[in-house]
Amino acid sequence: MEKGKEAGKSHESPESRASRLACELRRIDEAIYMLGGELAAAAAQRKAILKELKQTAEANGLNLSDYHEGGMDADITLPWGK
């Protein structure tokens, strides 16, 4: 066994480990926040495009289901219910 190490454990102090883990948690929280913003923007863009698609289809007598998988109800929603 290496000197200074217990079986399977590092010699990192509890304070150092807690600080490192807190930094990792902040980094992950920031990534989640950024992804949440990107998802919200993408959902808004999707909603606008679907609205324009519906208007174009209705104005030109087109069958929306030919252009959008599964068609679309009066409500413009995300396909997974969000």
C-alpha atoms as a PDB file:
ATOM      1  CA  MET A   1       0.000   0.000   0.000  1.00  0.00           C
ATOM      2  CA  GLU A   2       1.259   3.503  -0.836  1.00  0.00           C
ATOM      3  CA  LYS A   3       2.405   5.588   2.037  1.00  0.00           C
ATOM      4  CA  GLY A   4      -0.070   8.390   2.829  1.00  0.00           C
ATOM      5  CA  LYS A   5      -3.082   6.656   1.334  1.00  0.00           C
ATOM      6  CA  GLU A   6      -5.666   4.441   2.903  1.00  0.00           C
ATOM      7  CA  ALA A   7      -7.215   1.628   0.924  1.00  0.00           C
ATOM      8  CA  GLY A   8      -9.126   3.311  -1.921  1.00  0.00           C
ATOM      9  CA  LYS A   9      -9.226   6.760  -0.303  1.00  0.00           C
ATOM     10  CA  SER A  10      -7.385   9.923  -1.271  1.00  0.00           C
ATOM     11  CA  HIS A  11      -5.631  12.145   1.191  1.00  0.00           C
ATOM     12  CA  GLU A  12      -7.901  15.073   0.293  1.00  0.00           C
ATOM     13  CA  SER A  13      -9.150  16.971   3.322  1.00  0.00           C
ATOM     14  CA  PRO A  14     -12.914  17.136   3.903  1.00  0.00           C
ATOM     15  CA  GLU A  15     -12.788  20.919   3.416  1.00  0.00           C
ATOM     16  CA  SER A  16     -10.911  20.596   0.131  1.00  0.00           C
ATOM     17  CA  ARG A  17     -13.289  17.905  -1.101  1.00  0.00           C
ATOM     18  CA  ALA A  18     -16.342  19.969  -0.104  1.00  0.00           C
ATOM     19  CA  SER A  19     -14.920  23.020  -1.893  1.00  0.00           C
ATOM     20  CA  ARG A  20     -14.150  21.008  -5.037  1.00  0.00           C
ATOM     21  CA  LEU A  21     -17.599  19.424  -5.053  1.00  0.00           C
ATOM     22  CA  ALA A  22     -19.271  22.819  -4.546  1.00  0.00           C
ATOM     23  CA  CYS A  23     -17.358  24.161  -7.570  1.00  0.00           C
ATOM     24  CA  GLU A  24     -18.449  21.172  -9.653  1.00  0.00           C
ATOM     25  CA  LEU A  25     -22.040  21.705  -8.550  1.00  0.00           C
ATOM     26  CA  ARG A  26     -21.926  25.403  -9.536  1.00  0.00           C
ATOM     27  CA  ARG A  27     -20.497  24.477 -12.943  1.00  0.00           C
ATOM     28  CA  ILE A  28     -23.282  21.950 -13.515  1.00  0.00           C
ATOM     29  CA  ASP A  29     -25.941  24.397 -12.297  1.00  0.00           C
ATOM     30  CA  GLU A  30     -24.640  27.005 -14.764  1.00  0.00           C
ATOM     31  CA  ALA A  31     -24.792  24.467 -17.600  1.00  0.00           C
ATOM     32  CA  ILE A  32     -28.367  23.529 -16.673  1.00  0.00           C
ATOM     33  CA  TYR A  33     -29.338  27.215 -16.554  1.00  0.00           C
ATOM     34  CA  MET A  34     -27.809  27.829 -20.001  1.00  0.00           C
ATOM     35  CA  LEU A  35     -29.512  24.773 -21.480  1.00  0.00           C
ATOM     36  CA  GLY A  36     -32.813  25.855 -19.957  1.00  0.00           C
ATOM     37  CA  GLY A  37     -32.517  29.222 -21.691  1.00  0.00           C
ATOM     38  CA  GLU A  38     -31.639  27.577 -24.992  1.00  0.00           C
ATOM     39  CA  LEU A  39     -34.565  25.178 -24.643  1.00  0.00           C
ATOM     40  CA  ALA A  40     -36.989  28.031 -23.909  1.00  0.00           C
ATOM     41  CA  ALA A  41     -35.742  29.941 -26.962  1.00  0.00           C
ATOM     42  CA  ALA A  42     -36.037  26.845 -29.161  1.00  0.00           C
ATOM     43  CA  ALA A  43     -39.565  26.171 -27.885  1.00  0.00           C
ATOM     44  CA  ALA A  44     -40.607  29.768 -28.650  1.00  0.00           C
ATOM     45  CA  GLN A  45     -39.093  29.517 -32.126  1.00  0.00           C
ATOM     46  CA  ARG A  46     -40.851  26.190 -32.696  1.00  0.00           C
ATOM     47  CA  LYS A  47     -44.177  27.673 -31.629  1.00  0.00           C
ATOM     48  CA  ALA A  48     -43.780  30.617 -34.029  1.00  0.00           C
ATOM     49  CA  ILE A  49     -42.826  28.356 -36.941  1.00  0.00           C
ATOM     50  CA  LEU A  50     -45.735  25.991 -36.289  1.00  0.00           C
ATOM     51  CA  LYS A  51     -48.109  28.962 -36.147  1.00  0.00           C
ATOM     52  CA  GLU A  52     -46.813  30.236 -39.493  1.00  0.00           C
ATOM     53  CA  LEU A  53     -47.045  26.727 -40.972  1.00  0.00           C
ATOM     54  CA  LYS A  54     -50.660  26.415 -39.833  1.00  0.00           C
ATOM     55  CA  GLN A  55     -51.552  29.826 -41.274  1.00  0.00           C
ATOM     56  CA  THR A  56     -49.848  29.011 -44.582  1.00  0.00           C
ATOM     57  CA  ALA A  57     -51.587  25.645 -44.823  1.00  0.00           C
ATOM     58  CA  GLU A  58     -55.017  27.093 -43.995  1.00  0.00           C
ATOM     59  CA  ALA A  59     -54.617  30.067 -46.360  1.00  0.00           C
ATOM     60  CA  ASN A  60     -53.682  27.792 -49.241  1.00  0.00           C
ATOM     61  CA  GLY A  61     -56.019  24.867 -48.603  1.00  0.00           C
ATOM     62  CA  LEU A  62     -53.173  22.512 -47.780  1.00  0.00           C
ATOM     63  CA  ASN A  63     -53.454  19.491 -45.517  1.00  0.00           C
ATOM     64  CA  LEU A  64     -51.237  20.282 -42.555  1.00  0.00           C
ATOM     65  CA  SER A  65     -50.578  16.598 -41.839  1.00  0.00           C
ATOM     66  CA  ASP A  66     -48.757  16.407 -45.178  1.00  0.00           C
ATOM     67  CA  TYR A  67     -46.219  18.890 -43.842  1.00  0.00           C
ATOM     68  CA  HIS A  68     -46.091  18.213 -40.117  1.00  0.00           C
ATOM     69  CA  GLU A  69     -45.758  14.721 -38.676  1.00  0.00           C
ATOM     70  CA  GLY A  70     -49.019  13.714 -37.036  1.00  0.00           C
ATOM     71  CA  GLY A  71     -50.814  16.909 -38.071  1.00  0.00           C
ATOM     72  CA  MET A  72     -51.533  19.605 -35.579  1.00  0.00           C
ATOM     73  CA  ASP A  73     -54.441  20.499 -33.320  1.00  0.00           C
ATOM     74  CA  ALA A  74     -55.767  24.017 -32.804  1.00  0.00           C
ATOM     75  CA  ASP A  75     -53.386  24.345 -29.875  1.00  0.00           C
ATOM     76  CA  ILE A  76     -49.778  24.663 -30.839  1.00  0.00           C
ATOM     77  CA  THR A  77     -47.943  22.579 -28.276  1.00  0.00           C
ATOM     78  CA  LEU A  78     -44.772  20.609 -28.047  1.00  0.00           C
ATOM     79  CA  PRO A  79     -45.243  16.987 -29.114  1.00  0.00           C
ATOM     80  CA  TRP A  80     -44.157  15.673 -25.713  1.00  0.00           C
ATOM     81  CA  GLY A  81     -46.804  17.692 -23.854  1.00  0.00           C
ATOM     82  CA  LYS A  82     -44.745  20.584 -22.491  1.00  0.00           C
END
